[in-house]
Amino acid sequence: NKGDRIDVDQPVVEVATDKVDSEIPSPVEGTVLKLVHHEGEIPK
C-alpha cells in the first residue's frame, strides 16, 4: 500500500496476462509513494 516500506526483491504486485500470472518484485528498497494503476486496470 501507499506508505509501505519495501525491500529489494519483495513482491509488490500480481499481474495476469493471457499466457501467465506473475508477481513483480521491487528492484529497489524504499517507501511506496504512489500506486499508479488500480486493481483491474491494464497497463502496457
PDB file of all heavy atoms in Angstrom:
ATOM      1  N   ASN A   1       0.847  -1.202   0.000  1.00  0.00           N
ATOM      2  CA  ASN A   1       0.000   0.000   0.000  1.00  0.00           C
ATOM      3  C   ASN A   1       0.873   1.239   0.000  1.00  0.00           C
ATOM      4  O   ASN A   1       2.046   1.185   0.367  1.00  0.00           O
ATOM      5  CB  ASN A   1      -0.889   0.019   1.254  1.00  0.00           C
ATOM      6  CG  ASN A   1      -1.869  -1.112   1.272  1.00  0.00           C
ATOM      7  OD1 ASN A   1      -2.710  -1.233   0.396  1.00  0.00           O
ATOM      8  ND2 ASN A   1      -1.757  -1.978   2.286  1.00  0.00           N
ATOM      9  N   LYS A   2       0.278   2.360  -0.367  1.00  0.00           N
ATOM     10  CA  LYS A   2       0.975   3.643  -0.304  1.00  0.00           C
ATOM     11  C   LYS A   2       1.479   3.840   1.119  1.00  0.00           C
ATOM     12  O   LYS A   2       0.753   3.605   2.078  1.00  0.00           O
ATOM     13  CB  LYS A   2       0.027   4.767  -0.707  1.00  0.00           C
ATOM     14  CG  LYS A   2       0.670   6.127  -0.710  1.00  0.00           C
ATOM     15  CD  LYS A   2      -0.310   7.185  -1.140  1.00  0.00           C
ATOM     16  CE  LYS A   2       0.325   8.550  -1.026  1.00  0.00           C
ATOM     17  NZ  LYS A   2      -0.631   9.615  -1.338  1.00  0.00           N
ATOM     18  N   GLY A   3       2.748   4.233   1.225  1.00  0.00           N
ATOM     19  CA  GLY A   3       3.355   4.470   2.535  1.00  0.00           C
ATOM     20  C   GLY A   3       4.109   3.281   3.097  1.00  0.00           C
ATOM     21  O   GLY A   3       4.855   3.428   4.062  1.00  0.00           O
ATOM     22  N   ASP A   4       3.934   2.092   2.503  1.00  0.00           N
ATOM     23  CA  ASP A   4       4.640   0.896   2.982  1.00  0.00           C
ATOM     24  C   ASP A   4       6.129   0.989   2.680  1.00  0.00           C
ATOM     25  O   ASP A   4       6.534   1.476   1.625  1.00  0.00           O
ATOM     26  CB  ASP A   4       4.103  -0.371   2.320  1.00  0.00           C
ATOM     27  CG  ASP A   4       2.753  -0.813   2.842  1.00  0.00           C
ATOM     28  OD1 ASP A   4       2.230  -0.178   3.786  1.00  0.00           O
ATOM     29  OD2 ASP A   4       2.208  -1.797   2.298  1.00  0.00           O
ATOM     30  N   ARG A   5       6.934   0.483   3.586  1.00  0.00           N
ATOM     31  CA  ARG A   5       8.382   0.342   3.377  1.00  0.00           C
ATOM     32  C   ARG A   5       8.591  -1.007   2.704  1.00  0.00           C
ATOM     33  O   ARG A   5       8.043  -2.019   3.144  1.00  0.00           O
ATOM     34  CB  ARG A   5       9.082   0.398   4.737  1.00  0.00           C
ATOM     35  CG  ARG A   5      10.559   0.310   4.651  1.00  0.00           C
ATOM     36  CD  ARG A   5      11.186   1.699   4.604  1.00  0.00           C
ATOM     37  NE  ARG A   5      12.631   1.518   4.489  1.00  0.00           N
ATOM     38  CZ  ARG A   5      13.354   2.096   3.559  1.00  0.00           C
ATOM     39  NH1 ARG A   5      12.809   2.918   2.705  1.00  0.00           N
ATOM     40  NH2 ARG A   5      14.644   1.884   3.490  1.00  0.00           N
ATOM     41  N   ILE A   6       9.372  -1.037   1.623  1.00  0.00           N
ATOM     42  CA  ILE A   6       9.606  -2.287   0.892  1.00  0.00           C
ATOM     43  C   ILE A   6      11.103  -2.542   0.726  1.00  0.00           C
ATOM     44  O   ILE A   6      11.907  -1.623   0.777  1.00  0.00           O
ATOM     45  CB  ILE A   6       8.904  -2.282  -0.490  1.00  0.00           C
ATOM     46  CG1 ILE A   6       9.347  -1.089  -1.327  1.00  0.00           C
ATOM     47  CG2 ILE A   6       7.397  -2.316  -0.336  1.00  0.00           C
ATOM     48  CD1 ILE A   6       8.808  -1.103  -2.749  1.00  0.00           C
ATOM     49  N   ASP A   7      11.431  -3.821   0.539  1.00  0.00           N
ATOM     50  CA  ASP A   7      12.818  -4.253   0.370  1.00  0.00           C
ATOM     51  C   ASP A   7      13.067  -4.688  -1.071  1.00  0.00           C
ATOM     52  O   ASP A   7      12.124  -4.976  -1.820  1.00  0.00           O
ATOM     53  CB  ASP A   7      13.125  -5.434   1.297  1.00  0.00           C
ATOM     54  CG  ASP A   7      13.055  -5.051   2.757  1.00  0.00           C
ATOM     55  OD1 ASP A   7      13.563  -3.966   3.115  1.00  0.00           O
ATOM     56  OD2 ASP A   7      12.490  -5.836   3.552  1.00  0.00           O
ATOM     57  N   VAL A   8      14.329  -4.781  -1.442  1.00  0.00           N
ATOM     58  CA  VAL A   8      14.721  -5.307  -2.747  1.00  0.00           C
ATOM     59  C   VAL A   8      14.190  -6.732  -2.866  1.00  0.00           C
ATOM     60  O   VAL A   8      14.260  -7.518  -1.907  1.00  0.00           O
ATOM     61  CB  VAL A   8      16.260  -5.291  -2.903  1.00  0.00           C
ATOM     62  CG1 VAL A   8      16.679  -5.978  -4.190  1.00  0.00           C
ATOM     63  CG2 VAL A   8      16.779  -3.864  -2.867  1.00  0.00           C
ATOM     64  N   ASP A   9      13.663  -7.068  -4.022  1.00  0.00           N
ATOM     65  CA  ASP A   9      13.126  -8.395  -4.358  1.00  0.00           C
ATOM     66  C   ASP A   9      11.826  -8.745  -3.646  1.00  0.00           C
ATOM     67  O   ASP A   9      11.334  -9.868  -3.775  1.00  0.00           O
ATOM     68  CB  ASP A   9      14.159  -9.509  -4.119  1.00  0.00           C
ATOM     69  CG  ASP A   9      15.323  -9.422  -5.089  1.00  0.00           C
ATOM     70  OD1 ASP A   9      15.122  -8.927  -6.223  1.00  0.00           O
ATOM     71  OD2 ASP A   9      16.432  -9.834  -4.736  1.00  0.00           O
ATOM     72  N   GLN A  10      11.245  -7.810  -2.903  1.00  0.00           N
ATOM     73  CA  GLN A  10       9.946  -8.067  -2.272  1.00  0.00           C
ATOM     74  C   GLN A  10       8.854  -8.009  -3.338  1.00  0.00           C
ATOM     75  O   GLN A  10       8.770  -7.036  -4.084  1.00  0.00           O
ATOM     76  CB  GLN A  10       9.669  -7.018  -1.198  1.00  0.00           C
ATOM     77  CG  GLN A  10       8.315  -7.151  -0.548  1.00  0.00           C
ATOM     78  CD  GLN A  10       8.074  -6.089   0.511  1.00  0.00           C
ATOM     79  OE1 GLN A  10       9.010  -5.498   1.052  1.00  0.00           O
ATOM     80  NE2 GLN A  10       6.815  -5.838   0.803  1.00  0.00           N
ATOM     81  N   PRO A  11       7.991  -9.022  -3.447  1.00  0.00           N
ATOM     82  CA  PRO A  11       6.880  -8.950  -4.405  1.00  0.00           C
ATOM     83  C   PRO A  11       5.957  -7.789  -4.038  1.00  0.00           C
ATOM     84  O   PRO A  11       5.588  -7.632  -2.870  1.00  0.00           O
ATOM     85  CB  PRO A  11       6.167 -10.292  -4.234  1.00  0.00           C
ATOM     86  CG  PRO A  11       7.174 -11.194  -3.618  1.00  0.00           C
ATOM     87  CD  PRO A  11       8.034 -10.307  -2.749  1.00  0.00           C
ATOM     88  N   VAL A  12       5.614  -6.967  -5.038  1.00  0.00           N
ATOM     89  CA  VAL A  12       4.782  -5.793  -4.764  1.00  0.00           C
ATOM     90  C   VAL A  12       3.434  -5.828  -5.474  1.00  0.00           C
ATOM     91  O   VAL A  12       2.491  -5.161  -5.045  1.00  0.00           O
ATOM     92  CB  VAL A  12       5.528  -4.481  -5.106  1.00  0.00           C
ATOM     93  CG1 VAL A  12       6.714  -4.280  -4.162  1.00  0.00           C
ATOM     94  CG2 VAL A  12       5.976  -4.439  -6.547  1.00  0.00           C
ATOM     95  N   VAL A  13       3.331  -6.600  -6.562  1.00  0.00           N
ATOM     96  CA  VAL A  13       2.073  -6.634  -7.306  1.00  0.00           C
ATOM     97  C   VAL A  13       1.947  -7.961  -8.050  1.00  0.00           C
ATOM     98  O   VAL A  13       2.939  -8.541  -8.475  1.00  0.00           O
ATOM     99  CB  VAL A  13       1.984  -5.443  -8.299  1.00  0.00           C
ATOM    100  CG1 VAL A  13       3.045  -5.510  -9.369  1.00  0.00           C
ATOM    101  CG2 VAL A  13       0.591  -5.312  -8.906  1.00  0.00           C
ATOM    102  N   GLU A  14       0.714  -8.426  -8.174  1.00  0.00           N
ATOM    103  CA  GLU A  14       0.413  -9.596  -9.004  1.00  0.00           C
ATOM    104  C   GLU A  14      -0.236  -9.096 -10.285  1.00  0.00           C
ATOM    105  O   GLU A  14      -1.124  -8.239 -10.244  1.00  0.00           O
ATOM    106  CB  GLU A  14      -0.545 -10.548  -8.283  1.00  0.00           C
ATOM    107  CG  GLU A  14       0.051 -11.209  -7.079  1.00  0.00           C
ATOM    108  CD  GLU A  14      -0.942 -12.092  -6.332  1.00  0.00           C
ATOM    109  OE1 GLU A  14      -2.149 -12.098  -6.665  1.00  0.00           O
ATOM    110  OE2 GLU A  14      -0.498 -12.778  -5.399  1.00  0.00           O
ATOM    111  N   VAL A  15       0.218  -9.624 -11.423  1.00  0.00           N
ATOM    112  CA  VAL A  15      -0.346  -9.264 -12.719  1.00  0.00           C
ATOM    113  C   VAL A  15      -0.692 -10.528 -13.490  1.00  0.00           C
ATOM    114  O   VAL A  15      -0.129 -11.594 -13.241  1.00  0.00           O
ATOM    115  CB  VAL A  15       0.619  -8.382 -13.549  1.00  0.00           C
ATOM    116  CG1 VAL A  15       0.872  -7.048 -12.861  1.00  0.00           C
ATOM    117  CG2 VAL A  15       1.922  -9.106 -13.826  1.00  0.00           C
ATOM    118  N   ALA A  16      -1.620 -10.391 -14.426  1.00  0.00           N
ATOM    119  CA  ALA A  16      -2.036 -11.536 -15.233  1.00  0.00           C
ATOM    120  C   ALA A  16      -2.065 -11.148 -16.706  1.00  0.00           C
ATOM    121  O   ALA A  16      -2.463 -10.037 -17.063  1.00  0.00           O
ATOM    122  CB  ALA A  16      -3.422 -12.002 -14.805  1.00  0.00           C
ATOM    123  N   THR A  17      -1.613 -12.080 -17.541  1.00  0.00           N
ATOM    124  CA  THR A  17      -1.726 -11.934 -18.988  1.00  0.00           C
ATOM    125  C   THR A  17      -2.508 -13.133 -19.495  1.00  0.00           C
ATOM    126  O   THR A  17      -2.862 -14.020 -18.723  1.00  0.00           O
ATOM    127  CB  THR A  17      -0.346 -11.893 -19.676  1.00  0.00           C
ATOM    128  OG1 THR A  17       0.234 -13.198 -19.592  1.00  0.00           O
ATOM    129  CG2 THR A  17       0.576 -10.866 -19.036  1.00  0.00           C
ATOM    130  N   ASP A  18      -2.732 -13.191 -20.798  1.00  0.00           N
ATOM    131  CA  ASP A  18      -3.424 -14.358 -21.340  1.00  0.00           C
ATOM    132  C   ASP A  18      -2.554 -15.609 -21.289  1.00  0.00           C
ATOM    133  O   ASP A  18      -3.041 -16.720 -21.447  1.00  0.00           O
ATOM    134  CB  ASP A  18      -3.916 -14.087 -22.761  1.00  0.00           C
ATOM    135  CG  ASP A  18      -2.798 -13.678 -23.708  1.00  0.00           C
ATOM    136  OD1 ASP A  18      -1.695 -13.342 -23.243  1.00  0.00           O
ATOM    137  OD2 ASP A  18      -3.034 -13.692 -24.926  1.00  0.00           O
ATOM    138  N   LYS A  19      -1.240 -15.434 -21.024  1.00  0.00           N
ATOM    139  CA  LYS A  19      -0.325 -16.575 -21.009  1.00  0.00           C
ATOM    140  C   LYS A  19       0.197 -16.934 -19.623  1.00  0.00           C
ATOM    141  O   LYS A  19       0.520 -18.092 -19.367  1.00  0.00           O
ATOM    142  CB  LYS A  19       0.873 -16.301 -21.931  1.00  0.00           C
ATOM    143  CG  LYS A  19       0.486 -16.157 -23.379  1.00  0.00           C
ATOM    144  CD  LYS A  19       1.695 -15.888 -24.240  1.00  0.00           C
ATOM    145  CE  LYS A  19       1.259 -15.695 -25.692  1.00  0.00           C
ATOM    146  NZ  LYS A  19       2.382 -15.453 -26.562  1.00  0.00           N
ATOM    147  N   VAL A  20       0.335 -15.957 -18.726  1.00  0.00           N
ATOM    148  CA  VAL A  20       0.995 -16.210 -17.446  1.00  0.00           C
ATOM    149  C   VAL A  20       0.505 -15.241 -16.369  1.00  0.00           C
ATOM    150  O   VAL A  20       0.158 -14.104 -16.662  1.00  0.00           O
ATOM    151  CB  VAL A  20       2.538 -16.110 -17.603  1.00  0.00           C
ATOM    152  CG1 VAL A  20       2.975 -14.704 -17.911  1.00  0.00           C
ATOM    153  CG2 VAL A  20       3.262 -16.631 -16.391  1.00  0.00           C
ATOM    154  N   ASP A  21       0.465 -15.726 -15.122  1.00  0.00           N
ATOM    155  CA  ASP A  21       0.238 -14.877 -13.958  1.00  0.00           C
ATOM    156  C   ASP A  21       1.587 -14.744 -13.250  1.00  0.00           C
ATOM    157  O   ASP A  21       2.298 -15.730 -13.100  1.00  0.00           O
ATOM    158  CB  ASP A  21      -0.782 -15.493 -13.012  1.00  0.00           C
ATOM    159  CG  ASP A  21      -2.180 -15.554 -13.622  1.00  0.00           C
ATOM    160  OD1 ASP A  21      -2.397 -14.949 -14.682  1.00  0.00           O
ATOM    161  OD2 ASP A  21      -3.046 -16.208 -13.020  1.00  0.00           O
ATOM    162  N   SER A  22       1.913 -13.530 -12.811  1.00  0.00           N
ATOM    163  CA  SER A  22       3.229 -13.297 -12.217  1.00  0.00           C
ATOM    164  C   SER A  22       3.162 -12.344 -11.044  1.00  0.00           C
ATOM    165  O   SER A  22       2.269 -11.496 -10.974  1.00  0.00           O
ATOM    166  CB  SER A  22       4.173 -12.666 -13.247  1.00  0.00           C
ATOM    167  OG  SER A  22       4.321 -13.463 -14.371  1.00  0.00           O
ATOM    168  N   GLU A  23       4.145 -12.467 -10.150  1.00  0.00           N
ATOM    169  CA  GLU A  23       4.386 -11.465  -9.120  1.00  0.00           C
ATOM    170  C   GLU A  23       5.578 -10.643  -9.583  1.00  0.00           C
ATOM    171  O   GLU A  23       6.573 -11.198 -10.050  1.00  0.00           O
ATOM    172  CB  GLU A  23       4.734 -12.117  -7.781  1.00  0.00           C
ATOM    173  CG  GLU A  23       3.569 -12.746  -7.077  1.00  0.00           C
ATOM    174  CD  GLU A  23       3.954 -13.282  -5.703  1.00  0.00           C
ATOM    175  OE1 GLU A  23       5.162 -13.441  -5.408  1.00  0.00           O
ATOM    176  OE2 GLU A  23       3.032 -13.550  -4.927  1.00  0.00           O
ATOM    177  N   ILE A  24       5.473  -9.337  -9.460  1.00  0.00           N
ATOM    178  CA  ILE A  24       6.582  -8.459  -9.836  1.00  0.00           C
ATOM    179  C   ILE A  24       7.267  -7.989  -8.560  1.00  0.00           C
ATOM    180  O   ILE A  24       6.613  -7.417  -7.677  1.00  0.00           O
ATOM    181  CB  ILE A  24       6.084  -7.256 -10.662  1.00  0.00           C
ATOM    182  CG1 ILE A  24       5.449  -7.758 -11.953  1.00  0.00           C
ATOM    183  CG2 ILE A  24       7.232  -6.283 -10.943  1.00  0.00           C
ATOM    184  CD1 ILE A  24       4.797  -6.684 -12.774  1.00  0.00           C
ATOM    185  N   PRO A  25       8.591  -8.228  -8.449  1.00  0.00           N
ATOM    186  CA  PRO A  25       9.329  -7.778  -7.263  1.00  0.00           C
ATOM    187  C   PRO A  25       9.860  -6.357  -7.442  1.00  0.00           C
ATOM    188  O   PRO A  25      10.035  -5.883  -8.565  1.00  0.00           O
ATOM    189  CB  PRO A  25      10.485  -8.770  -7.189  1.00  0.00           C
ATOM    190  CG  PRO A  25      10.745  -9.116  -8.623  1.00  0.00           C
ATOM    191  CD  PRO A  25       9.393  -9.087  -9.304  1.00  0.00           C
ATOM    192  N   SER A  26      10.137  -5.733  -6.323  1.00  0.00           N
ATOM    193  CA  SER A  26      10.751  -4.410  -6.362  1.00  0.00           C
ATOM    194  C   SER A  26      12.250  -4.550  -6.599  1.00  0.00           C
ATOM    195  O   SER A  26      12.910  -5.317  -5.914  1.00  0.00           O
ATOM    196  CB  SER A  26      10.523  -3.678  -5.040  1.00  0.00           C
ATOM    197  OG  SER A  26      11.231  -2.449  -5.053  1.00  0.00           O
ATOM    198  N   PRO A  27      12.811  -3.791  -7.539  1.00  0.00           N
ATOM    199  CA  PRO A  27      14.259  -3.832  -7.760  1.00  0.00           C
ATOM    200  C   PRO A  27      15.026  -2.936  -6.779  1.00  0.00           C
ATOM    201  O   PRO A  27      16.255  -2.956  -6.763  1.00  0.00           O
ATOM    202  CB  PRO A  27      14.409  -3.328  -9.194  1.00  0.00           C
ATOM    203  CG  PRO A  27      13.232  -2.448  -9.396  1.00  0.00           C
ATOM    204  CD  PRO A  27      12.118  -3.017  -8.560  1.00  0.00           C
ATOM    205  N   VAL A  28      14.300  -2.157  -5.981  1.00  0.00           N
ATOM    206  CA  VAL A  28      14.931  -1.226  -5.037  1.00  0.00           C
ATOM    207  C   VAL A  28      14.214  -1.294  -3.696  1.00  0.00           C
ATOM    208  O   VAL A  28      13.087  -1.764  -3.607  1.00  0.00           O
ATOM    209  CB  VAL A  28      14.901   0.231  -5.553  1.00  0.00           C
ATOM    210  CG1 VAL A  28      15.688   0.373  -6.842  1.00  0.00           C
ATOM    211  CG2 VAL A  28      13.479   0.724  -5.731  1.00  0.00           C
ATOM    212  N   GLU A  29      14.889  -0.784  -2.665  1.00  0.00           N
ATOM    213  CA  GLU A  29      14.211  -0.630  -1.379  1.00  0.00           C
ATOM    214  C   GLU A  29      13.773   0.807  -1.247  1.00  0.00           C
ATOM    215  O   GLU A  29      14.332   1.710  -1.874  1.00  0.00           O
ATOM    216  CB  GLU A  29      15.109  -1.043  -0.223  1.00  0.00           C
ATOM    217  CG  GLU A  29      16.271  -0.133   0.041  1.00  0.00           C
ATOM    218  CD  GLU A  29      17.060  -0.542   1.270  1.00  0.00           C
ATOM    219  OE1 GLU A  29      17.410  -1.720   1.373  1.00  0.00           O
ATOM    220  OE2 GLU A  29      17.318   0.342   2.115  1.00  0.00           O
ATOM    221  N   GLY A  30      12.738   1.028  -0.461  1.00  0.00           N
ATOM    222  CA  GLY A  30      12.259   2.380  -0.265  1.00  0.00           C
ATOM    223  C   GLY A  30      10.847   2.382   0.286  1.00  0.00           C
ATOM    224  O   GLY A  30      10.377   1.394   0.848  1.00  0.00           O
ATOM    225  N   THR A  31      10.158   3.498   0.067  1.00  0.00           N
ATOM    226  CA  THR A  31       8.793   3.673   0.533  1.00  0.00           C
ATOM    227  C   THR A  31       7.884   3.872  -0.678  1.00  0.00           C
ATOM    228  O   THR A  31       8.216   4.635  -1.586  1.00  0.00           O
ATOM    229  CB  THR A  31       8.687   4.905   1.462  1.00  0.00           C
ATOM    230  OG1 THR A  31       9.586   4.711   2.560  1.00  0.00           O
ATOM    231  CG2 THR A  31       7.280   5.082   1.994  1.00  0.00           C
ATOM    232  N   VAL A  32       6.740   3.203  -0.675  1.00  0.00           N
ATOM    233  CA  VAL A  32       5.780   3.330  -1.774  1.00  0.00           C
ATOM    234  C   VAL A  32       5.156   4.722  -1.729  1.00  0.00           C
ATOM    235  O   VAL A  32       4.511   5.086  -0.749  1.00  0.00           O
ATOM    236  CB  VAL A  32       4.678   2.248  -1.685  1.00  0.00           C
ATOM    237  CG1 VAL A  32       3.665   2.433  -2.798  1.00  0.00           C
ATOM    238  CG2 VAL A  32       5.285   0.852  -1.716  1.00  0.00           C
ATOM    239  N   LEU A  33       5.382   5.512  -2.785  1.00  0.00           N
ATOM    240  CA  LEU A  33       4.798   6.851  -2.878  1.00  0.00           C
ATOM    241  C   LEU A  33       3.453   6.834  -3.576  1.00  0.00           C
ATOM    242  O   LEU A  33       2.550   7.566  -3.203  1.00  0.00           O
ATOM    243  CB  LEU A  33       5.723   7.790  -3.659  1.00  0.00           C
ATOM    244  CG  LEU A  33       6.941   8.339  -2.962  1.00  0.00           C
ATOM    245  CD1 LEU A  33       7.649   9.339  -3.854  1.00  0.00           C
ATOM    246  CD2 LEU A  33       6.559   9.006  -1.664  1.00  0.00           C
ATOM    247  N   LYS A  34       3.338   5.992  -4.620  1.00  0.00           N
ATOM    248  CA  LYS A  34       2.109   6.017  -5.416  1.00  0.00           C
ATOM    249  C   LYS A  34       1.924   4.693  -6.138  1.00  0.00           C
ATOM    250  O   LYS A  34       2.872   4.147  -6.705  1.00  0.00           O
ATOM    251  CB  LYS A  34       2.188   7.146  -6.447  1.00  0.00           C
ATOM    252  CG  LYS A  34       0.950   7.317  -7.277  1.00  0.00           C
ATOM    253  CD  LYS A  34       1.077   8.506  -8.215  1.00  0.00           C
ATOM    254  CE  LYS A  34      -0.203   8.686  -9.012  1.00  0.00           C
ATOM    255  NZ  LYS A  34      -0.124   9.786  -9.942  1.00  0.00           N
ATOM    256  N   LEU A  35       0.693   4.191  -6.101  1.00  0.00           N
ATOM    257  CA  LEU A  35       0.296   3.064  -6.938  1.00  0.00           C
ATOM    258  C   LEU A  35      -0.420   3.682  -8.128  1.00  0.00           C
ATOM    259  O   LEU A  35      -1.505   4.247  -7.984  1.00  0.00           O
ATOM    260  CB  LEU A  35      -0.634   2.111  -6.166  1.00  0.00           C
ATOM    261  CG  LEU A  35      -0.075   1.567  -4.846  1.00  0.00           C
ATOM    262  CD1 LEU A  35      -1.119   0.707  -4.146  1.00  0.00           C
ATOM    263  CD2 LEU A  35       1.209   0.796  -5.066  1.00  0.00           C
ATOM    264  N   VAL A  36       0.187   3.615  -9.289  1.00  0.00           N
ATOM    265  CA  VAL A  36      -0.302   4.344 -10.461  1.00  0.00           C
ATOM    266  C   VAL A  36      -1.567   3.718 -11.038  1.00  0.00           C
ATOM    267  O   VAL A  36      -2.468   4.422 -11.481  1.00  0.00           O
ATOM    268  CB  VAL A  36       0.812   4.452 -11.530  1.00  0.00           C
ATOM    269  CG1 VAL A  36       0.302   5.134 -12.783  1.00  0.00           C
ATOM    270  CG2 VAL A  36       2.020   5.185 -10.958  1.00  0.00           C
ATOM    271  N   HIS A  37      -1.650   2.398 -11.021  1.00  0.00           N
ATOM    272  CA  HIS A  37      -2.805   1.702 -11.596  1.00  0.00           C
ATOM    273  C   HIS A  37      -3.591   0.984 -10.501  1.00  0.00           C
ATOM    274  O   HIS A  37      -3.005   0.419  -9.583  1.00  0.00           O
ATOM    275  CB  HIS A  37      -2.357   0.688 -12.661  1.00  0.00           C
ATOM    276  CG  HIS A  37      -1.825   1.334 -13.889  1.00  0.00           C
ATOM    277  ND1 HIS A  37      -2.627   1.800 -14.891  1.00  0.00           N
ATOM    278  CD2 HIS A  37      -0.558   1.632 -14.259  1.00  0.00           C
ATOM    279  CE1 HIS A  37      -1.888   2.338 -15.839  1.00  0.00           C
ATOM    280  NE2 HIS A  37      -0.614   2.255 -15.467  1.00  0.00           N
ATOM    281  N   HIS A  38      -4.905   0.994 -10.634  1.00  0.00           N
ATOM    282  CA  HIS A  38      -5.769   0.286  -9.692  1.00  0.00           C
ATOM    283  C   HIS A  38      -5.895  -1.171 -10.108  1.00  0.00           C
ATOM    284  O   HIS A  38      -5.660  -1.523 -11.269  1.00  0.00           O
ATOM    285  CB  HIS A  38      -7.167   0.920  -9.664  1.00  0.00           C
ATOM    286  CG  HIS A  38      -7.169   2.340  -9.198  1.00  0.00           C
ATOM    287  ND1 HIS A  38      -6.990   2.685  -7.883  1.00  0.00           N
ATOM    288  CD2 HIS A  38      -7.326   3.492  -9.884  1.00  0.00           C
ATOM    289  CE1 HIS A  38      -7.041   4.000  -7.774  1.00  0.00           C
ATOM    290  NE2 HIS A  38      -7.233   4.519  -8.970  1.00  0.00           N
ATOM    291  N   GLU A  39      -6.304  -2.017  -9.172  1.00  0.00           N
ATOM    292  CA  GLU A  39      -6.573  -3.413  -9.490  1.00  0.00           C
ATOM    293  C   GLU A  39      -7.639  -3.468 -10.580  1.00  0.00           C
ATOM    294  O   GLU A  39      -8.612  -2.716 -10.548  1.00  0.00           O
ATOM    295  CB  GLU A  39      -7.020  -4.165  -8.239  1.00  0.00           C
ATOM    296  CG  GLU A  39      -5.881  -4.309  -7.242  1.00  0.00           C
ATOM    297  CD  GLU A  39      -6.279  -5.000  -5.953  1.00  0.00           C
ATOM    298  OE1 GLU A  39      -7.450  -5.418  -5.805  1.00  0.00           O
ATOM    299  OE2 GLU A  39      -5.408  -5.125  -5.068  1.00  0.00           O
ATOM    300  N   GLY A  40      -7.413  -4.323 -11.564  1.00  0.00           N
ATOM    301  CA  GLY A  40      -8.326  -4.444 -12.700  1.00  0.00           C
ATOM    302  C   GLY A  40      -7.921  -3.616 -13.901  1.00  0.00           C
ATOM    303  O   GLY A  40      -8.397  -3.857 -15.004  1.00  0.00           O
ATOM    304  N   GLU A  41      -7.037  -2.649 -13.711  1.00  0.00           N
ATOM    305  CA  GLU A  41      -6.560  -1.842 -14.839  1.00  0.00           C
ATOM    306  C   GLU A  41      -5.506  -2.606 -15.629  1.00  0.00           C
ATOM    307  O   GLU A  41      -4.892  -3.545 -15.121  1.00  0.00           O
ATOM    308  CB  GLU A  41      -6.018  -0.497 -14.360  1.00  0.00           C
ATOM    309  CG  GLU A  41      -7.112   0.409 -13.831  1.00  0.00           C
ATOM    310  CD  GLU A  41      -6.613   1.789 -13.449  1.00  0.00           C
ATOM    311  OE1 GLU A  41      -5.405   1.969 -13.209  1.00  0.00           O
ATOM    312  OE2 GLU A  41      -7.464   2.684 -13.385  1.00  0.00           O
ATOM    313  N   ILE A  42      -5.295  -2.175 -16.877  1.00  0.00           N
ATOM    314  CA  ILE A  42      -4.420  -2.906 -17.799  1.00  0.00           C
ATOM    315  C   ILE A  42      -3.331  -1.988 -18.356  1.00  0.00           C
ATOM    316  O   ILE A  42      -3.485  -1.402 -19.423  1.00  0.00           O
ATOM    317  CB  ILE A  42      -5.249  -3.519 -18.948  1.00  0.00           C
ATOM    318  CG1 ILE A  42      -6.380  -4.369 -18.377  1.00  0.00           C
ATOM    319  CG2 ILE A  42      -4.361  -4.333 -19.882  1.00  0.00           C
ATOM    320  CD1 ILE A  42      -7.366  -4.875 -19.403  1.00  0.00           C
ATOM    321  N   PRO A  43      -2.208  -1.869 -17.623  1.00  0.00           N
ATOM    322  CA  PRO A  43      -1.091  -1.082 -18.155  1.00  0.00           C
ATOM    323  C   PRO A  43      -0.348  -1.836 -19.257  1.00  0.00           C
ATOM    324  O   PRO A  43      -0.392  -3.066 -19.325  1.00  0.00           O
ATOM    325  CB  PRO A  43      -0.189  -0.878 -16.939  1.00  0.00           C
ATOM    326  CG  PRO A  43      -0.490  -2.038 -16.054  1.00  0.00           C
ATOM    327  CD  PRO A  43      -1.939  -2.377 -16.287  1.00  0.00           C
ATOM    328  N   LYS A  44       0.322  -1.089 -20.098  1.00  0.00           N
ATOM    329  CA  LYS A  44       1.144  -1.674 -21.162  1.00  0.00           C
ATOM    330  C   LYS A  44       2.566  -1.899 -20.643  1.00  0.00           C
ATOM    331  O   LYS A  44       3.009  -1.229 -19.706  1.00  0.00           O
ATOM    332  CB  LYS A  44       1.165  -0.753 -22.367  1.00  0.00           C
ATOM    333  CG  LYS A  44      -0.207  -0.566 -22.993  1.00  0.00           C
ATOM    334  CD  LYS A  44      -0.112  -0.026 -24.387  1.00  0.00           C
ATOM    335  CE  LYS A  44      -1.461   0.163 -25.035  1.00  0.00           C
ATOM    336  NZ  LYS A  44      -2.358  -0.961 -24.984  1.00  0.00           N
TER     337      LYS A  44
END
